[in-house]
Protein backbone atom coordinates (compact mmCIF):
# COMPACT_ATOMS: atom_id res chain seq x y z
CA MET A 1 0.00 0.00 0.00
CA THR A 2 1.43 3.40 -0.96
CA ASN A 3 1.54 6.51 1.23
CA ASP A 4 -1.07 8.20 -0.98
CA GLU A 5 -3.42 5.25 -0.55
CA ILE A 6 -3.20 5.63 3.24
CA VAL A 7 -3.30 9.46 3.30
CA ILE A 8 -4.49 11.11 0.10
CA GLY A 9 -1.98 13.67 -1.19
CA PHE A 10 0.67 12.73 1.38
CA ASP A 11 3.52 12.58 -1.12
CA THR A 12 2.82 15.92 -2.85
CA GLU A 13 5.18 17.67 -0.41
CA LYS A 14 8.14 15.28 -0.83
CA ASP A 15 11.60 16.37 0.23
CA ASP A 16 14.76 14.44 -0.68
CA SER A 17 16.36 15.08 2.73
CA LEU A 18 13.56 13.35 4.64
CA LYS A 19 11.77 10.26 3.40
CA ILE A 20 8.55 9.30 5.20
CA ASP A 21 6.84 5.94 4.74
CA LEU A 22 3.43 5.24 6.25
CA LYS A 23 2.16 2.02 7.82
CA ARG A 24 -1.11 1.46 9.63
CA ILE A 25 -0.88 0.09 13.17
CA GLU A 26 -2.92 -3.10 13.30
CA GLY A 27 -5.35 -3.17 16.19
CA VAL A 28 -5.02 0.55 16.99
CA VAL A 29 -7.87 2.87 16.03
CA ASN A 30 -6.53 5.79 13.97
CA GLY A 31 -3.02 4.42 14.45
CA LEU A 32 -0.23 5.22 12.01
CA ILE A 33 3.52 4.59 11.97
CA LEU A 34 5.61 7.20 10.17
CA VAL A 35 9.00 5.73 9.24
CA LEU A 36 11.47 8.63 9.07
CA THR A 37 14.67 8.35 7.03
CA GLY A 38 17.11 11.26 6.80
CA TYR A 39 17.07 14.40 8.88
CA ILE A 40 14.79 17.24 10.03
CA ASP A 41 16.17 20.76 10.09
CA THR A 42 15.17 24.35 9.45
CA TYR A 43 15.07 23.81 5.69
CA ASN A 44 12.76 20.81 5.55
CA SER A 45 10.72 21.16 8.76
CA ASN A 46 7.93 23.06 6.97
CA SER A 47 7.50 20.21 4.47
CA PHE A 48 7.65 17.71 7.37
CA GLN A 49 4.92 19.59 9.24
CA LYS A 50 2.66 19.81 6.19
CA ARG A 51 2.94 16.09 5.50
CA VAL A 52 2.29 15.00 9.07
CA GLN A 53 -0.59 17.46 9.33
CA LYS A 54 -2.17 15.73 6.31
CA ALA A 55 -2.11 12.47 8.27
CA ILE A 56 -3.68 14.17 11.29
CA ASP A 57 -6.31 15.79 9.07
CA ALA A 58 -7.07 12.30 7.70
CA SER A 59 -8.05 11.32 11.30
CA PHE A 60 -4.84 9.51 12.23
CA LEU A 61 -4.65 10.65 15.85
CA ASN A 62 -2.32 7.99 17.28
CA LEU A 63 1.03 8.56 15.61
CA ALA A 64 4.18 6.52 16.16
CA PHE A 65 7.37 7.89 14.63
CA ASP A 66 9.95 5.24 13.74
CA CYS A 67 13.22 7.12 14.25
CA ARG A 68 15.75 4.34 13.67
CA ALA A 69 16.90 5.97 10.38
CA LEU A 70 16.44 9.57 11.52
CA ASN A 71 20.05 10.68 11.88
CA TYR A 72 19.60 14.34 12.88
CA VAL A 73 16.92 16.67 14.20
CA SER A 74 17.41 20.38 14.85
CA SER A 75 15.59 22.49 17.41
CA THR A 76 13.20 23.47 14.61
CA GLY A 77 12.46 19.77 14.08
CA ILE A 78 11.79 19.36 17.81
CA GLY A 79 9.39 22.28 17.47
CA SER A 80 7.56 20.35 14.75
CA PHE A 81 7.13 17.34 17.03
CA THR A 82 5.89 19.65 19.79
CA THR A 83 3.30 21.12 17.43
CA PHE A 84 2.07 17.62 16.54
CA LEU A 85 1.89 16.66 20.22
CA LYS A 86 -0.25 19.70 21.07
CA THR A 87 -2.54 19.09 18.08
CA LEU A 88 -2.98 15.41 18.90
CA LYS A 89 -3.56 16.00 22.62
CA ALA A 90 -6.31 18.51 21.78
CA SER A 91 -8.03 15.74 19.77
CA ASN A 92 -7.48 13.01 22.42
CA GLY A 93 -4.70 11.50 20.35
CA SER A 94 -1.15 10.48 21.25
CA LEU A 95 2.34 10.61 19.84
CA VAL A 96 5.14 8.11 20.41
CA LEU A 97 8.72 8.12 19.18
CA PHE A 98 10.57 4.83 19.01
CA GLU A 99 14.07 3.56 18.25
CA VAL A 100 15.40 7.10 18.61
CA GLN A 101 19.11 7.28 17.79
CA PRO A 102 21.36 8.49 20.66
CA LYS A 103 22.42 11.62 18.74
CA VAL A 104 18.78 12.58 18.14
CA LEU A 105 17.71 11.73 21.70
CA GLU A 106 20.50 13.97 22.98
CA VAL A 107 18.94 16.98 21.18
CA PHE A 108 15.58 16.26 22.85
CA GLN A 109 17.33 16.00 26.23
CA LEU A 110 19.52 19.09 25.80
CA LEU A 111 16.51 21.20 24.91
CA GLY A 112 14.54 19.76 27.85
CA PHE A 113 11.87 18.10 25.72
CA SER A 114 12.53 14.41 26.34
CA SER A 115 10.12 14.41 29.30
CA PHE A 116 7.26 15.69 27.11
CA PHE A 117 7.39 12.81 24.65
CA ASN A 118 6.65 9.12 25.00
CA ILE A 119 9.88 7.55 23.80
CA LYS A 120 9.95 3.77 23.43
CA ASP A 121 12.71 1.30 22.57
CA SER A 122 10.85 -0.65 19.89
CA GLN A 123 7.90 -0.69 17.53
CA GLU A 124 6.28 -3.35 19.70
CA ALA A 125 6.57 -1.12 22.78
CA ALA A 126 5.12 1.81 20.83
CA GLU A 127 2.17 -0.27 19.61
CA ASN A 128 1.58 -1.59 23.14
CA PHE A 129 1.51 1.99 24.40
CA PHE A 130 -1.54 2.60 22.20
CA LYS A 131 -3.15 -0.81 22.73
CA ASN A 132 -2.82 -0.79 26.54
CA GLY A 133 -3.83 2.81 27.05
CA SER A 134 -1.47 5.71 26.82
CA SER A 135 -1.60 6.73 30.44
CA SER A 136 1.79 6.21 32.05
CA ILE A 137 0.89 7.65 35.45
CA SER A 138 -2.01 6.50 37.56
CA ASN A 139 -5.05 8.74 37.95
CA GLY A 140 -4.04 9.43 41.54
CA ALA A 141 -1.17 11.56 40.27
CA PHE A 142 -1.94 14.68 42.29
CA PRO A 143 -0.40 16.52 43.89
CA GLN A 144 2.36 16.24 41.27
CA ILE A 145 5.86 17.60 41.96
CA PHE A 146 8.11 18.00 38.92
CA ASP A 147 10.94 20.09 37.50
CA CYS A 148 10.10 22.77 34.95
CA PRO A 149 11.42 21.43 31.61
CA ILE A 150 12.79 24.86 30.74
CA CYS A 151 14.41 26.23 33.91
CA ALA A 152 14.39 23.10 36.16
CA LYS A 153 12.60 24.91 39.02
CA LYS A 154 10.70 22.53 41.31
CA LEU A 155 6.96 22.99 40.80
CA LYS A 156 3.83 21.52 42.32
CA ALA A 157 0.52 20.96 40.54
CA SER A 158 -2.45 20.21 42.75
CA LYS A 159 -4.71 19.37 39.80
CA SER A 160 -4.66 19.15 36.02
CA GLY A 161 -4.75 22.37 34.00
CA ARG A 162 -2.57 25.15 32.66
CA PHE A 163 -0.31 27.38 34.73
CA ARG A 164 2.82 29.52 34.50
CA CYS A 165 6.20 28.47 35.90
CA SER A 166 7.12 30.80 38.75
CA GLY A 167 10.77 30.70 37.66
CA CYS A 168 10.88 31.26 33.90
CA LYS A 169 7.22 32.20 33.28
CA THR A 170 6.78 29.42 30.69
CA ILE A 171 3.18 28.27 30.33
CA LEU A 172 2.85 24.59 31.19
CA ALA A 173 -0.04 22.16 31.04
CA VAL A 174 -0.52 19.18 33.31
CA ASP A 175 -2.95 16.54 32.07
CA GLU A 176 -5.23 14.43 34.26
CA THR A 177 -2.58 11.71 34.53
CA GLY A 178 0.06 14.15 35.79
CA ARG A 179 2.09 14.40 32.58
CA VAL A 180 3.57 17.83 31.88
CA PHE A 181 3.53 19.56 28.49
CA LEU A 182 4.38 22.98 27.15
CA GLY A 183 1.12 24.80 27.42
């Protein structure tokens, strides 16, 4: 099955620096694996965002990114993933990255974003994340004490919702399971 058969018009925004192949996730409603080959930087991130947005617009709300052949991602690329995460969360969807190369994972960690994303070791673990429910923290998660992902200030959330970090003034969101996201 071709990309355009899964998501109509997906390959109209092709870029030679980043190849994306699509595969449905068996047994996961609205589940899609995006196999990334190449790199994501300032020059191709717009094309990357347009293509992934087409998948989201086609009602694929549980996205797993296969990163085993993704050899570089810039801060702009991380911004793209963050945009997808916010969009999917607003539609009760989820995003998982799996088989992330150490060099790519380091960029997520250096920028303080690794805690925002569900990062798994394998495709099987990513699929199980969707099949077994994407909540990684029990519902009794509050009060939740965590470090701000931007300035590392210790913060406490007594309930889910949006609030501003008292240290760096970044807007954060805490979901009902206690997970923290940029708000």
